[in-house]
C-alpha atoms as a PDB file:
ATOM      1  CA  MET A   1      86.554 128.078  99.095  1.00  0.00           C
ATOM      2  CA  SER A   2      84.492 124.909  99.207  1.00  0.00           C
ATOM      3  CA  ASN A   3      83.950 123.248 102.553  1.00  0.00           C
ATOM      4  CA  GLU A   4      82.968 120.057 100.778  1.00  0.00           C
ATOM      5  CA  VAL A   5      84.583 117.135 102.595  1.00  0.00           C
ATOM      6  CA  LYS A   6      86.538 114.821 100.280  1.00  0.00           C
ATOM      7  CA  THR A   7      85.700 111.167 100.677  1.00  0.00           C
ATOM      8  CA  ILE A   8      87.445 107.863 100.161  1.00  0.00           C
ATOM      9  CA  THR A   9      85.908 104.400 100.210  1.00  0.00           C
ATOM     10  CA  PRO A  10      87.066 101.621 102.553  1.00  0.00           C
ATOM     11  CA  GLU A  11      88.091  99.701  99.404  1.00  0.00           C
ATOM     12  CA  GLU A  12      90.294 102.578  98.269  1.00  0.00           C
ATOM     13  CA  VAL A  13      91.878 102.782 101.724  1.00  0.00           C
ATOM     14  CA  GLN A  14      92.557  99.026 101.598  1.00  0.00           C
ATOM     15  CA  GLU A  15      94.144  99.469  98.170  1.00  0.00           C
ATOM     16  CA  LEU A  16      96.469 102.225  99.459  1.00  0.00           C
ATOM     17  CA  LEU A  17      97.521  99.968 102.340  1.00  0.00           C
ATOM     18  CA  ASN A  18      98.018  96.998  99.992  1.00  0.00           C
ATOM     19  CA  GLU A  19     100.240  99.170  97.802  1.00  0.00           C
ATOM     20  CA  GLY A  20     102.307  99.992 100.868  1.00  0.00           C
ATOM     21  CA  LYS A  21     101.483 103.691 100.596  1.00  0.00           C
ATOM     22  CA  ASN A  22     102.320 105.797 103.629  1.00  0.00           C
ATOM     23  CA  VAL A  23      98.818 106.838 104.672  1.00  0.00           C
ATOM     24  CA  SER A  24      97.759 108.543 107.855  1.00  0.00           C
ATOM     25  CA  LEU A  25      94.566 106.994 109.215  1.00  0.00           C
ATOM     26  CA  ILE A  26      92.950 108.578 112.258  1.00  0.00           C
ATOM     27  CA  ASP A  27      90.182 106.707 114.079  1.00  0.00           C
ATOM     28  CA  VAL A  28      87.945 109.149 115.969  1.00  0.00           C
ATOM     29  CA  ARG A  29      85.726 106.579 117.710  1.00  0.00           C
ATOM     30  CA  GLU A  30      85.397 106.161 121.466  1.00  0.00           C
ATOM     31  CA  ASP A  31      87.784 103.890 123.384  1.00  0.00           C
ATOM     32  CA  GLU A  32      85.305 101.045 123.795  1.00  0.00           C
ATOM     33  CA  GLU A  33      84.586 101.001 120.041  1.00  0.00           C
ATOM     34  CA  VAL A  34      88.275 100.940 119.163  1.00  0.00           C
ATOM     35  CA  ALA A  35      88.746  98.115 121.682  1.00  0.00           C
ATOM     36  CA  GLU A  36      86.506  95.993 119.425  1.00  0.00           C
ATOM     37  CA  GLY A  37      89.042  96.427 116.644  1.00  0.00           C
ATOM     38  CA  LYS A  38      90.607  99.110 114.524  1.00  0.00           C
ATOM     39  CA  ILE A  39      92.678  99.196 111.344  1.00  0.00           C
ATOM     40  CA  PRO A  40      96.175  98.239 112.607  1.00  0.00           C
ATOM     41  CA  VAL A  41      97.982 101.336 111.257  1.00  0.00           C
ATOM     42  CA  ALA A  42      95.283 103.799 112.371  1.00  0.00           C
ATOM     43  CA  LYS A  43      96.071 106.297 115.117  1.00  0.00           C
ATOM     44  CA  HIS A  44      93.318 106.632 117.716  1.00  0.00           C
ATOM     45  CA  ILE A  45      92.337 110.216 118.550  1.00  0.00           C
ATOM     46  CA  ARG A  46      88.804 110.475 119.959  1.00  0.00           C
ATOM     47  CA  LEU A  47      86.662 113.072 118.205  1.00  0.00           C
ATOM     48  CA  GLY A  48      86.229 115.111 121.383  1.00  0.00           C
ATOM     49  CA  THR A  49      89.984 115.318 121.967  1.00  0.00           C
ATOM     50  CA  ILE A  50      91.030 116.481 118.486  1.00  0.00           C
ATOM     51  CA  PRO A  51      91.255 120.200 119.395  1.00  0.00           C
ATOM     52  CA  GLU A  52      93.814 119.583 122.142  1.00  0.00           C
ATOM     53  CA  ARG A  53      95.710 116.958 120.139  1.00  0.00           C
ATOM     54  CA  LEU A  54      96.217 118.945 116.924  1.00  0.00           C
ATOM     55  CA  ASP A  55      99.978 118.892 117.505  1.00  0.00           C
ATOM     56  CA  GLU A  56      99.881 115.114 116.904  1.00  0.00           C
ATOM     57  CA  ILE A  57      98.369 115.608 113.455  1.00  0.00           C
ATOM     58  CA  ASN A  58     100.921 116.566 110.797  1.00  0.00           C
ATOM     59  CA  LYS A  59      99.723 119.529 108.744  1.00  0.00           C
ATOM     60  CA  ASN A  60     101.983 118.532 105.846  1.00  0.00           C
ATOM     61  CA  GLU A  61     100.271 115.256 105.047  1.00  0.00           C
ATOM     62  CA  GLU A  62      96.823 114.116 104.142  1.00  0.00           C
ATOM     63  CA  HIS A  63      94.825 112.263 106.779  1.00  0.00           C
ATOM     64  CA  ILE A  64      91.964 109.804 106.359  1.00  0.00           C
ATOM     65  CA  MET A  65      89.413 110.070 109.147  1.00  0.00           C
ATOM     66  CA  ILE A  66      87.517 106.985 110.313  1.00  0.00           C
ATOM     67  CA  CYS A  67      84.615 106.285 112.682  1.00  0.00           C
ATOM     68  CA  ARG A  68      81.883 103.657 112.923  1.00  0.00           C
ATOM     69  CA  SER A  69      79.655 104.842 110.073  1.00  0.00           C
ATOM     70  CA  GLY A  70      81.338 107.933 108.625  1.00  0.00           C
ATOM     71  CA  ARG A  71      79.295 110.573 110.439  1.00  0.00           C
ATOM     72  CA  ARG A  72      81.678 111.558 113.259  1.00  0.00           C
ATOM     73  CA  SER A  73      84.682 111.317 110.969  1.00  0.00           C
ATOM     74  CA  GLU A  74      82.920 113.770 108.657  1.00  0.00           C
ATOM     75  CA  HIS A  75      82.629 116.206 111.586  1.00  0.00           C
ATOM     76  CA  ALA A  76      86.330 115.655 112.298  1.00  0.00           C
ATOM     77  CA  CYS A  77      87.108 116.413 108.638  1.00  0.00           C
ATOM     78  CA  GLU A  78      85.093 119.625 108.714  1.00  0.00           C
ATOM     79  CA  TYR A  79      86.888 120.761 111.859  1.00  0.00           C
ATOM     80  CA  LEU A  80      90.363 119.881 110.571  1.00  0.00           C
ATOM     81  CA  GLN A  81      89.689 121.413 107.142  1.00  0.00           C
ATOM     82  CA  GLU A  82      88.742 124.670 108.870  1.00  0.00           C
ATOM     83  CA  ALA A  83      92.077 124.477 110.706  1.00  0.00           C
ATOM     84  CA  GLY A  84      93.923 124.083 107.407  1.00  0.00           C
ATOM     85  CA  TYR A  85      94.450 120.316 107.287  1.00  0.00           C
ATOM     86  CA  GLU A  86      94.197 118.080 104.204  1.00  0.00           C
ATOM     87  CA  VAL A  87      91.657 115.369 105.109  1.00  0.00           C
ATOM     88  CA  LYS A  88      89.356 112.750 103.612  1.00  0.00           C
ATOM     89  CA  ASN A  89      86.448 110.962 105.221  1.00  0.00           C
ATOM     90  CA  MET A  90      86.252 107.167 104.920  1.00  0.00           C
ATOM     91  CA  VAL A  91      82.613 106.755 103.906  1.00  0.00           C
ATOM     92  CA  GLY A  92      80.716 103.945 105.585  1.00  0.00           C
ATOM     93  CA  GLY A  93      83.308 103.844 108.360  1.00  0.00           C
ATOM     94  CA  MET A  94      84.271 100.637 110.117  1.00  0.00           C
ATOM     95  CA  MET A  95      80.833  99.150 109.361  1.00  0.00           C
ATOM     96  CA  LYS A  96      81.978  98.881 105.731  1.00  0.00           C
ATOM     97  CA  TRP A  97      85.621  97.983 106.431  1.00  0.00           C
ATOM     98  CA  GLU A  98      86.498  94.485 105.292  1.00  0.00           C
ATOM     99  CA  GLY A  99      90.239  94.612 105.818  1.00  0.00           C
ATOM    100  CA  GLU A 100      92.343  93.592 108.766  1.00  0.00           C
ATOM    101  CA  VAL A 101      91.547  94.829 112.275  1.00  0.00           C
ATOM    102  CA  LYS A 102      93.356  94.321 115.541  1.00  0.00           C
END
């Protein structure tokens, strides 16, 4: 079994949203970072709180993990993959995001 984390680009995420696809985005940044703006449909679950909030993450759908640069979200992906979740890491994180934020 490969522990390789699947990735998705911010452009691809934007495309999914534009197509009206039902995508689960999870932003793992800290509160103060999210306060500066996050993708409107993203759910905010800080990286450090993922283990106790697993019940909020549906095991039957794929999730796209997001952070500032893609590093922490990659850690989140590794953790969730180990736990049996289907995840992708948004490479480049919010630094590369050009879509809408709120």
